[in-house]
Amino acid sequence: MAMEAHEIEALIRASFPEAKITITDLAGDGNHYAAEVIDESFRGQNRVQQQRAVYAALRGKMDGPSGELHALALTTKAPD
């Protein structure tokens, strides 16, 4: 079953309540999204650490072939 952008944002926001989050449906199919997450908690972390934290916030929605979310192009950073 496909996910909607607001569902992805809600999952991420639960772990990053102060983040600036932008979700874009790349293919219009509810399975391929891009997300930009800008949060102060990323300061001092490398990109891999930041992205692992966001993927953990998705609570398994991308796990395996039966995951609800097929693809997420992820951009993370601390605020300027």
Protein backbone atom coordinates (compact mmCIF):
# COMPACT_ATOMS: atom_id res chain seq x y z
CA MET A 1 0.00 0.00 0.00
CA ALA A 2 1.32 3.44 -0.93
CA MET A 3 2.00 6.19 1.59
CA GLU A 4 0.97 9.81 1.40
CA ALA A 5 3.37 12.72 1.90
CA HIS A 6 1.68 13.84 5.12
CA GLU A 7 2.16 10.35 6.61
CA ILE A 8 5.90 10.46 5.89
CA GLU A 9 6.14 13.96 7.35
CA ALA A 10 4.26 12.89 10.50
CA LEU A 11 6.64 9.98 11.10
CA ILE A 12 9.70 12.21 10.67
CA ARG A 13 8.18 15.03 12.74
CA ALA A 14 7.60 12.65 15.65
CA SER A 15 11.39 12.28 15.96
CA PHE A 16 12.31 15.79 14.80
CA PRO A 17 9.54 18.11 16.07
CA GLU A 18 11.39 21.36 15.30
CA ALA A 19 12.67 20.32 11.85
CA LYS A 20 11.90 22.00 8.57
CA ILE A 21 10.57 19.09 6.49
CA THR A 22 9.74 19.13 2.79
CA ILE A 23 8.27 16.03 1.15
CA THR A 24 7.94 15.76 -2.66
CA ASP A 25 6.16 12.94 -4.52
CA LEU A 26 8.58 12.30 -7.38
CA ALA A 27 6.49 9.94 -9.50
CA GLY A 28 2.91 10.61 -8.45
CA ASP A 29 2.55 6.99 -7.37
CA GLY A 30 2.84 7.31 -3.60
CA ASN A 31 5.95 5.14 -3.61
CA HIS A 32 8.79 7.42 -4.74
CA TYR A 33 9.45 10.49 -2.63
CA ALA A 34 12.15 13.02 -1.90
CA ALA A 35 12.50 14.46 1.60
CA GLU A 36 14.55 17.36 2.86
CA VAL A 37 14.98 17.47 6.63
CA ILE A 38 16.74 20.42 8.24
CA ASP A 39 17.21 20.10 11.98
CA GLU A 40 19.56 21.47 14.61
CA SER A 41 20.13 17.97 16.00
CA PHE A 42 22.14 17.17 12.85
CA ARG A 43 24.85 19.67 13.74
CA GLY A 44 28.16 17.86 14.18
CA GLN A 45 26.88 14.65 12.57
CA ASN A 46 28.03 13.39 9.21
CA ARG A 47 25.51 12.77 6.43
CA VAL A 48 25.32 9.02 7.10
CA GLN A 49 24.49 9.61 10.77
CA GLN A 50 21.84 12.17 9.85
CA GLN A 51 20.19 9.92 7.29
CA ARG A 52 20.22 6.89 9.58
CA ALA A 53 18.36 8.95 12.17
CA VAL A 54 15.69 9.89 9.62
CA TYR A 55 15.34 6.31 8.35
CA ALA A 56 14.94 5.15 11.97
CA ALA A 57 12.11 7.68 12.34
CA LEU A 58 10.27 5.94 9.49
CA ARG A 59 9.78 2.94 11.79
CA GLY A 60 10.28 0.18 9.24
CA LYS A 61 8.04 1.63 6.52
CA MET A 62 10.88 1.07 4.00
CA ASP A 63 11.83 -2.41 5.20
CA GLY A 64 11.91 -5.18 2.64
CA PRO A 65 9.87 -5.70 -0.52
CA SER A 66 6.59 -5.35 1.36
CA GLY A 67 7.47 -1.95 2.84
CA GLU A 68 4.88 0.78 2.36
CA LEU A 69 7.49 3.22 1.06
CA HIS A 70 9.53 2.02 -1.89
CA ALA A 71 12.02 4.87 -2.41
CA LEU A 72 13.02 8.01 -0.53
CA ALA A 73 15.70 10.37 -1.84
CA LEU A 74 16.88 12.00 1.37
CA THR A 75 18.63 15.32 1.95
CA THR A 76 19.57 16.21 5.52
CA LYS A 77 21.46 19.08 7.10
CA ALA A 78 21.69 21.39 10.08
CA PRO A 79 20.28 24.90 9.64
CA ASP A 80 22.61 27.57 8.26
